[in-house]
Protein backbone atom coordinates (compact mmCIF):
# COMPACT_ATOMS: atom_id res chain seq x y z
CA MET A 1 30.70 31.43 3.95
CA ASN A 2 27.23 29.92 3.83
CA SER A 3 26.59 26.57 2.21
CA ILE A 4 24.60 26.37 -1.02
CA LEU A 5 22.18 23.74 -2.28
CA GLU A 6 22.03 22.28 -5.77
CA LEU A 7 19.18 20.05 -6.93
CA HIS A 8 20.21 18.00 -9.94
CA GLY A 9 17.25 16.56 -11.78
CA ALA A 10 14.82 16.42 -14.66
CA PRO A 11 11.07 17.01 -15.12
CA THR A 12 10.13 13.66 -13.53
CA GLY A 13 7.79 12.99 -10.62
CA ASN A 14 10.58 12.23 -8.17
CA CYS A 15 12.49 15.40 -9.06
CA ILE A 16 9.38 17.58 -8.96
CA ARG A 17 8.51 16.23 -5.49
CA ALA A 18 11.95 17.20 -4.24
CA ALA A 19 11.76 20.66 -5.80
CA ILE A 20 8.33 21.37 -4.30
CA ALA A 21 9.62 20.42 -0.84
CA LEU A 22 12.58 22.79 -1.11
CA GLU A 23 10.31 25.55 -2.40
CA GLU A 24 7.73 25.06 0.36
CA ALA A 25 10.47 24.99 3.01
CA GLY A 26 11.81 28.29 1.71
CA LEU A 27 15.27 26.86 1.09
CA ALA A 28 17.34 28.62 -1.55
CA TYR A 29 18.68 26.21 -4.15
CA THR A 30 19.89 26.07 -7.71
CA ALA A 31 18.19 23.63 -10.07
CA ARG A 32 20.65 21.79 -12.31
CA LEU A 33 18.95 20.18 -15.29
CA VAL A 34 20.15 16.66 -16.08
CA ASP A 35 19.12 15.93 -19.67
CA LEU A 36 18.07 12.29 -19.58
CA SER A 37 17.50 12.18 -23.33
CA LYS A 38 21.18 13.01 -23.86
CA GLY A 39 22.34 10.49 -21.28
CA GLN A 40 23.73 13.11 -18.93
CA HIS A 41 22.66 10.96 -15.97
CA GLN A 42 25.25 8.42 -17.12
CA GLY A 43 28.02 10.98 -17.52
CA ALA A 44 31.07 11.01 -15.26
CA ASP A 45 30.06 14.20 -13.46
CA HIS A 46 26.65 12.88 -12.48
CA LEU A 47 27.89 9.39 -11.64
CA SER A 48 30.38 10.95 -9.23
CA LEU A 49 27.36 12.22 -7.28
CA ASN A 50 25.12 9.17 -7.72
CA PRO A 51 26.78 6.00 -9.05
CA ALA A 52 23.31 4.61 -9.79
CA GLY A 53 22.88 7.31 -12.43
CA LYS A 54 19.48 8.40 -11.14
CA VAL A 55 17.81 11.72 -10.33
CA PRO A 56 17.16 13.72 -8.25
CA VAL A 57 20.38 14.41 -6.38
CA LEU A 58 20.68 17.11 -3.72
CA VAL A 59 24.18 18.45 -3.12
CA GLU A 60 25.17 20.83 -0.36
CA ARG A 61 28.43 22.67 -0.98
CA LYS A 62 30.51 25.18 0.90
CA GLY A 63 33.03 26.75 -1.39
CA ASP A 64 34.84 23.92 -3.16
CA GLU A 65 33.86 21.40 -0.48
CA THR A 66 30.93 19.03 -0.88
CA LEU A 67 29.34 18.71 2.55
CA PHE A 68 26.88 15.95 1.71
CA VAL A 69 24.85 14.36 -1.05
CA LEU A 70 21.32 12.89 -1.00
CA THR A 71 20.20 10.63 -3.84
CA GLN A 72 16.65 9.71 -2.86
CA SER A 73 13.70 12.03 -3.45
CA ASN A 74 12.03 11.10 -0.18
CA ALA A 75 15.22 11.75 1.78
CA ILE A 76 15.35 15.19 0.16
CA ILE A 77 11.74 15.82 1.15
CA PHE A 78 12.46 14.92 4.78
CA TYR A 79 15.62 17.02 4.74
CA ALA A 80 13.58 20.03 3.63
CA ALA A 81 10.92 19.33 6.26
CA GLU A 82 13.47 19.14 9.06
CA LYS A 83 15.10 22.36 7.89
CA ALA A 84 11.81 24.24 8.13
CA PRO A 85 9.95 23.18 11.30
CA GLU A 86 6.15 23.38 11.04
CA ARG A 87 6.14 24.22 7.33
CA LEU A 88 5.95 20.63 6.08
CA LEU A 89 5.52 18.61 9.27
CA PRO A 90 3.32 19.51 12.25
CA ILE A 91 4.90 19.71 15.70
CA ALA A 92 2.26 17.70 17.58
CA ALA A 93 3.17 14.02 17.61
CA ASP A 94 -0.31 12.75 16.73
CA HIS A 95 -0.71 15.19 13.84
CA ARG A 96 2.76 14.35 12.59
CA ALA A 97 1.92 10.64 12.72
CA THR A 98 -1.14 11.26 10.54
CA VAL A 99 0.99 13.08 7.98
CA TYR A 100 3.45 10.18 7.96
CA GLU A 101 0.59 7.72 7.51
CA ARG A 102 -0.78 9.58 4.49
CA PHE A 103 2.67 10.20 3.03
CA PHE A 104 3.54 6.51 3.12
CA PHE A 105 0.10 5.59 1.82
CA PHE A 106 0.85 7.48 -1.37
CA LEU A 107 4.35 6.03 -1.57
CA THR A 108 3.36 2.41 -1.13
CA ASP A 109 -0.21 2.23 -2.48
CA VAL A 110 -0.05 4.75 -5.31
CA ILE A 111 3.47 5.70 -6.40
CA ALA A 112 5.01 2.21 -6.08
CA PRO A 113 2.37 0.51 -8.28
CA SER A 114 2.72 3.35 -10.78
CA HIS A 115 6.48 2.84 -11.04
CA SER A 116 6.01 -0.91 -11.37
CA ALA A 117 3.40 -0.42 -14.10
CA PHE A 118 5.82 1.79 -16.02
CA PHE A 119 8.51 -0.89 -15.77
CA LEU A 120 6.19 -3.70 -16.92
CA ARG A 121 4.95 -1.60 -19.83
CA GLY A 122 8.55 -1.12 -20.93
CA GLN A 123 9.02 -4.89 -20.81
CA GLY A 124 6.02 -5.42 -23.07
CA LEU A 125 3.87 -6.82 -20.25
CA SER A 126 0.84 -4.67 -20.93
CA ASP A 127 -1.66 -6.81 -19.04
CA GLY A 128 0.32 -6.70 -15.79
CA SER A 129 0.91 -2.99 -16.28
CA ALA A 130 -2.81 -2.33 -16.75
CA ARG A 131 -3.69 -4.21 -13.57
CA LEU A 132 -1.24 -2.13 -11.56
CA VAL A 133 -2.64 1.08 -13.02
CA GLU A 134 -6.13 -0.02 -11.95
CA ARG A 135 -4.83 -0.64 -8.44
CA MET A 136 -3.14 2.77 -8.37
CA LEU A 137 -6.29 4.59 -9.49
CA SER A 138 -8.39 2.69 -6.97
CA SER A 139 -6.02 3.79 -4.20
CA ILE A 140 -6.25 7.39 -5.37
CA GLU A 141 -10.03 7.22 -5.04
CA MET A 142 -9.58 6.11 -1.42
CA ALA A 143 -7.86 9.43 -0.73
CA GLU A 144 -11.26 11.15 -0.99
CA GLN A 145 -11.75 10.27 2.67
CA PHE A 146 -8.53 12.04 3.69
CA VAL A 147 -9.79 15.43 2.55
CA SER A 148 -13.46 15.04 3.45
CA ALA A 149 -13.08 16.75 6.82
CA ASP A 150 -9.74 18.54 6.47
CA ALA A 151 -8.33 20.91 3.89
CA TYR A 152 -5.18 18.88 3.25
CA MET A 153 -4.12 15.25 3.14
CA GLY A 154 -2.69 15.21 6.65
CA GLY A 155 -4.92 17.74 8.37
CA SER A 156 -5.45 21.48 8.31
CA CYS A 157 -1.99 22.37 6.93
CA PHE A 158 -0.07 21.60 3.75
CA SER A 159 2.54 18.88 4.35
CA ILE A 160 4.79 16.28 2.79
CA ALA A 161 1.68 14.13 2.32
CA ASP A 162 0.26 16.69 -0.08
CA ILE A 163 3.52 16.78 -2.03
CA ALA A 164 3.48 13.01 -2.50
CA ALA A 165 -0.21 13.00 -3.39
CA TYR A 166 -0.22 15.87 -5.84
CA SER A 167 2.92 14.91 -7.73
CA ILE A 168 1.53 11.49 -8.60
CA MET A 169 -2.05 12.61 -9.24
CA SER A 170 -0.92 15.30 -11.65
CA SER A 171 0.62 12.61 -13.85
CA VAL A 172 -2.67 10.72 -14.18
CA ASP A 173 -5.21 13.51 -13.70
CA THR A 174 -7.10 12.71 -16.90
CA ASP A 175 -7.76 9.16 -15.63
CA ILE A 176 -9.14 10.17 -12.23
CA PRO A 177 -12.98 10.14 -11.95
CA TRP A 178 -13.23 13.65 -10.51
CA ASP A 179 -17.03 13.79 -10.80
CA ARG A 180 -17.46 11.32 -7.97
CA LEU A 181 -14.59 12.73 -5.90
CA PRO A 182 -15.67 16.29 -5.03
CA ASN A 183 -13.42 16.67 -1.98
CA LEU A 184 -10.40 15.37 -3.81
CA ARG A 185 -11.16 17.67 -6.73
CA ARG A 186 -11.38 20.67 -4.38
CA TRP A 187 -8.06 19.73 -2.80
CA TYR A 188 -6.40 19.17 -6.18
CA GLU A 189 -7.50 22.53 -7.56
CA MET A 190 -6.33 24.31 -4.41
CA VAL A 191 -2.90 22.69 -4.44
CA SER A 192 -2.50 23.27 -8.20
CA VAL A 193 -2.20 27.03 -7.69
CA ARG A 194 -0.02 26.92 -4.58
CA PRO A 195 3.11 29.00 -5.41
CA SER A 196 5.59 26.39 -4.17
CA VAL A 197 3.91 23.73 -6.30
CA VAL A 198 3.89 25.92 -9.40
CA ARG A 199 7.58 26.77 -8.94
CA GLY A 200 8.46 23.14 -8.22
CA PHE A 201 6.91 22.01 -11.50
CA GLN A 202 8.86 24.71 -13.33
CA ALA A 203 12.22 23.94 -11.70
CA PHE A 204 13.48 21.72 -14.52
CA SER A 205 11.52 23.18 -17.40
CA PRO A 206 13.71 24.02 -20.41
CA GLN A 207 14.57 27.71 -20.45
């Protein structure tokens, strides 16, 4: 009996990133919608998978046995990349290092400030939130250089760096000054229609 994968999540950036990675890696999985508005992430079933009550959660099962559980979106992305050699990470060490560099750039310089801004806004600290948003958008503009000579963020092939970049940019696309970022705009439009990206964004859409 083969094992099966379940991705428990909601239409959030972290969950969409994980879904795109599984789609791009060609891994069969079942998307399990966790309705955050109904508090399902705090229900007993979900807490048994992730006591922190967060999404996404990747579960691998074989029959009635749970083989393992991953509760971090980036761990899920790397799991998918390792399961599908060359589809999300290049084989050559130097090319792989470049992909890692760009991936972590988006995690630390773009996604992290965005998450912090969201938290501060919820605490009523609008000024601090606005400053972090400015920093995030400034970092996004820096990514123009990444795609000035290559088609994708980490080189000539789509990779985990593109997943991190696109998932965050799509949430703030109306705030990005596309007119002065022609290479980034070309990259964004190309990735927007990539089948794995389209399916990833639809994974947790209400049926």
